[in-house]
C-alpha atoms as a PDB file:
ATOM      1  CA  MET A   1       0.000   0.000   0.000  1.00  0.00           C
ATOM      2  CA  PHE A   2       1.112   3.566  -0.713  1.00  0.00           C
ATOM      3  CA  LYS A   3       2.687   5.387   2.242  1.00  0.00           C
ATOM      4  CA  PHE A   4       2.715   9.156   2.801  1.00  0.00           C
ATOM      5  CA  GLY A   5       6.044  10.606   1.724  1.00  0.00           C
ATOM      6  CA  GLU A   6       6.579   7.975  -0.956  1.00  0.00           C
ATOM      7  CA  ASN A   7       7.511   9.574  -4.272  1.00  0.00           C
ATOM      8  CA  LEU A   8       4.834   8.568  -6.762  1.00  0.00           C
ATOM      9  CA  PHE A   9       5.938  10.986  -9.446  1.00  0.00           C
ATOM     10  CA  VAL A  10       8.719   9.121 -11.197  1.00  0.00           C
ATOM     11  CA  GLU A  11       9.296  10.348 -14.742  1.00  0.00           C
ATOM     12  CA  GLY A  12       7.144   8.430 -17.211  1.00  0.00           C
ATOM     13  CA  ARG A  13       5.071   6.824 -14.471  1.00  0.00           C
ATOM     14  CA  SER A  14       2.592   9.604 -13.742  1.00  0.00           C
ATOM     15  CA  TRP A  15       0.220  11.529 -15.978  1.00  0.00           C
ATOM     16  CA  ILE A  16      -2.926  13.634 -16.004  1.00  0.00           C
ATOM     17  CA  ASP A  17      -5.822  11.885 -17.711  1.00  0.00           C
ATOM     18  CA  ASP A  18      -8.421  13.470 -20.001  1.00  0.00           C
ATOM     19  CA  ALA A  19     -10.715  14.134 -17.006  1.00  0.00           C
ATOM     20  CA  GLY A  20      -7.959  16.047 -15.182  1.00  0.00           C
ATOM     21  CA  TYR A  21      -7.068  13.442 -12.527  1.00  0.00           C
ATOM     22  CA  ILE A  22      -3.464  12.571 -11.682  1.00  0.00           C
ATOM     23  CA  ASN A  23      -2.712   8.907 -12.326  1.00  0.00           C
ATOM     24  CA  VAL A  24       0.380   6.882 -11.483  1.00  0.00           C
ATOM     25  CA  TRP A  25       1.666   3.474 -12.412  1.00  0.00           C
ATOM     26  CA  TYR A  26       1.782   1.873  -8.968  1.00  0.00           C
ATOM     27  CA  ASP A  27       1.736  -1.692  -7.728  1.00  0.00           C
ATOM     28  CA  GLY A  28       1.621  -3.016 -11.283  1.00  0.00           C
ATOM     29  CA  ARG A  29      -1.320  -0.959 -12.541  1.00  0.00           C
ATOM     30  CA  ALA A  30      -2.568   2.551 -13.273  1.00  0.00           C
ATOM     31  CA  GLN A  31      -4.161   4.139 -10.205  1.00  0.00           C
ATOM     32  CA  PHE A  32      -5.662   7.492  -9.240  1.00  0.00           C
ATOM     33  CA  VAL A  33      -3.476   9.380  -6.769  1.00  0.00           C
ATOM     34  CA  HIS A  34      -6.485  10.664  -4.787  1.00  0.00           C
ATOM     35  CA  ARG A  35      -7.588   7.069  -4.114  1.00  0.00           C
ATOM     36  CA  LEU A  36      -4.083   6.058  -2.992  1.00  0.00           C
ATOM     37  CA  VAL A  37      -3.936   9.028  -0.614  1.00  0.00           C
ATOM     38  CA  MET A  38      -7.355   8.173   0.864  1.00  0.00           C
ATOM     39  CA  GLU A  39      -6.352   4.522   1.321  1.00  0.00           C
ATOM     40  CA  GLU A  40      -3.251   5.581   3.227  1.00  0.00           C
ATOM     41  CA  TYR A  41      -5.266   8.014   5.350  1.00  0.00           C
ATOM     42  CA  LEU A  42      -7.803   5.317   6.246  1.00  0.00           C
ATOM     43  CA  GLY A  43      -5.233   2.535   6.558  1.00  0.00           C
ATOM     44  CA  ARG A  44      -7.139   0.202   4.244  1.00  0.00           C
ATOM     45  CA  LYS A  45      -7.953  -0.411   0.598  1.00  0.00           C
ATOM     46  CA  LEU A  46     -11.041   1.325  -0.781  1.00  0.00           C
ATOM     47  CA  THR A  47     -13.928  -0.692  -2.124  1.00  0.00           C
ATOM     48  CA  ASP A  48     -15.188  -0.202  -5.666  1.00  0.00           C
ATOM     49  CA  MET A  49     -18.312   1.407  -4.193  1.00  0.00           C
ATOM     50  CA  GLU A  50     -16.373   4.184  -2.434  1.00  0.00           C
ATOM     51  CA  ILE A  51     -15.837   7.518  -4.176  1.00  0.00           C
ATOM     52  CA  VAL A  52     -13.178  10.057  -3.203  1.00  0.00           C
ATOM     53  CA  HIS A  53     -14.427  13.637  -3.570  1.00  0.00           C
ATOM     54  CA  HIS A  54     -12.113  16.659  -3.918  1.00  0.00           C
ATOM     55  CA  ILE A  55     -13.595  19.212  -1.534  1.00  0.00           C
ATOM     56  CA  ASP A  56     -12.163  22.221  -3.379  1.00  0.00           C
ATOM     57  CA  GLU A  57     -13.166  20.720  -6.774  1.00  0.00           C
ATOM     58  CA  ASP A  58      -9.498  20.784  -7.901  1.00  0.00           C
ATOM     59  CA  LYS A  59      -8.878  17.276  -9.253  1.00  0.00           C
ATOM     60  CA  GLN A  60      -5.146  17.743  -8.874  1.00  0.00           C
ATOM     61  CA  ASN A  61      -5.229  18.823  -5.209  1.00  0.00           C
ATOM     62  CA  ASN A  62      -4.692  15.443  -3.602  1.00  0.00           C
ATOM     63  CA  GLU A  63      -3.801  16.694  -0.138  1.00  0.00           C
ATOM     64  CA  TRP A  64      -5.400  14.280   2.343  1.00  0.00           C
ATOM     65  CA  TRP A  65      -7.300  17.081   4.070  1.00  0.00           C
ATOM     66  CA  ASN A  66      -8.938  18.023   0.740  1.00  0.00           C
ATOM     67  CA  LEU A  67     -10.388  14.557   0.150  1.00  0.00           C
ATOM     68  CA  GLN A  68     -13.715  13.244   1.379  1.00  0.00           C
ATOM     69  CA  LEU A  69     -14.910   9.649   1.226  1.00  0.00           C
ATOM     70  CA  THR A  70     -18.426   9.241  -0.129  1.00  0.00           C
ATOM     71  CA  ASN A  71     -20.546   6.907  -2.244  1.00  0.00           C
ATOM     72  CA  LEU A  72     -21.844   7.266  -5.781  1.00  0.00           C
ATOM     73  CA  ALA A  73     -25.364   8.341  -4.795  1.00  0.00           C
ATOM     74  CA  ASP A  74     -24.209  11.060  -2.398  1.00  0.00           C
ATOM     75  CA  HIS A  75     -21.479  12.243  -4.752  1.00  0.00           C
ATOM     76  CA  THR A  76     -23.924  12.478  -7.658  1.00  0.00           C
ATOM     77  CA  ARG A  77     -26.437  14.328  -5.465  1.00  0.00           C
ATOM     78  CA  HIS A  78     -23.733  16.760  -4.318  1.00  0.00           C
ATOM     79  CA  HIS A  79     -22.868  17.731  -7.885  1.00  0.00           C
ATOM     80  CA  ALA A  80     -26.472  17.656  -9.125  1.00  0.00           C
ATOM     81  CA  LEU A  81     -27.429  20.214  -6.472  1.00  0.00           C
ATOM     82  CA  GLY A  82     -24.885  22.606  -7.924  1.00  0.00           C
ATOM     83  CA  PHE A  83     -22.138  22.417  -5.320  1.00  0.00           C
ATOM     84  CA  HIS A  84     -19.461  23.270  -7.862  1.00  0.00           C
ATOM     85  CA  GLY A  85     -16.735  25.784  -8.213  1.00  0.00           C
ATOM     86  CA  PRO A  86     -14.119  27.085  -5.873  1.00  0.00           C
ATOM     87  CA  VAL A  87     -14.533  26.795  -2.156  1.00  0.00           C
ATOM     88  CA  ASP A  88     -14.108  29.932  -0.061  1.00  0.00           C
ATOM     89  CA  PRO A  89     -10.337  30.130   0.662  1.00  0.00           C
ATOM     90  CA  LEU A  90     -10.897  30.877   4.359  1.00  0.00           C
ATOM     91  CA  ARG A  91     -13.209  27.863   4.675  1.00  0.00           C
ATOM     92  CA  LEU A  92     -10.628  25.678   2.945  1.00  0.00           C
ATOM     93  CA  GLN A  93      -7.833  26.962   5.230  1.00  0.00           C
ATOM     94  CA  ASN A  94      -9.993  26.255   8.293  1.00  0.00           C
ATOM     95  CA  LEU A  95     -10.738  22.766   6.951  1.00  0.00           C
ATOM     96  CA  GLN A  96      -7.042  22.116   6.426  1.00  0.00           C
ATOM     97  CA  ASN A  97      -6.217  23.301   9.938  1.00  0.00           C
ATOM     98  CA  ASP A  98      -9.045  21.296  11.540  1.00  0.00           C
ATOM     99  CA  ARG A  99      -8.213  18.086   9.688  1.00  0.00           C
ATOM    100  CA  THR A 100      -4.467  18.463  10.328  1.00  0.00           C
ATOM    101  CA  GLU A 101      -5.191  18.628  14.065  1.00  0.00           C
ATOM    102  CA  GLU A 102      -7.219  15.373  13.762  1.00  0.00           C
ATOM    103  CA  PHE A 103      -4.300  13.561  12.143  1.00  0.00           C
END
């Protein structure tokens, strides 16, 4: 399993896909970085039914405090209700501070 601090970004082994997500070749297959970070944070592998949401809507911001575990129904509902666009920077800073204290 991926560990925080491990360098995933070896030349030729990471890329940004057409949807804007960072992918890496890891453990013998292509994987999304945000899912690897969430697995490390939780200390377990994610199931196929679990979705990792980027709180600030930036698909390349894979900081652990910016990721939220959800399911397909809730994630779809979140976006269908129009919760898009940038998050208030102060709210995001407070979230980062709060979640860093938890860890």
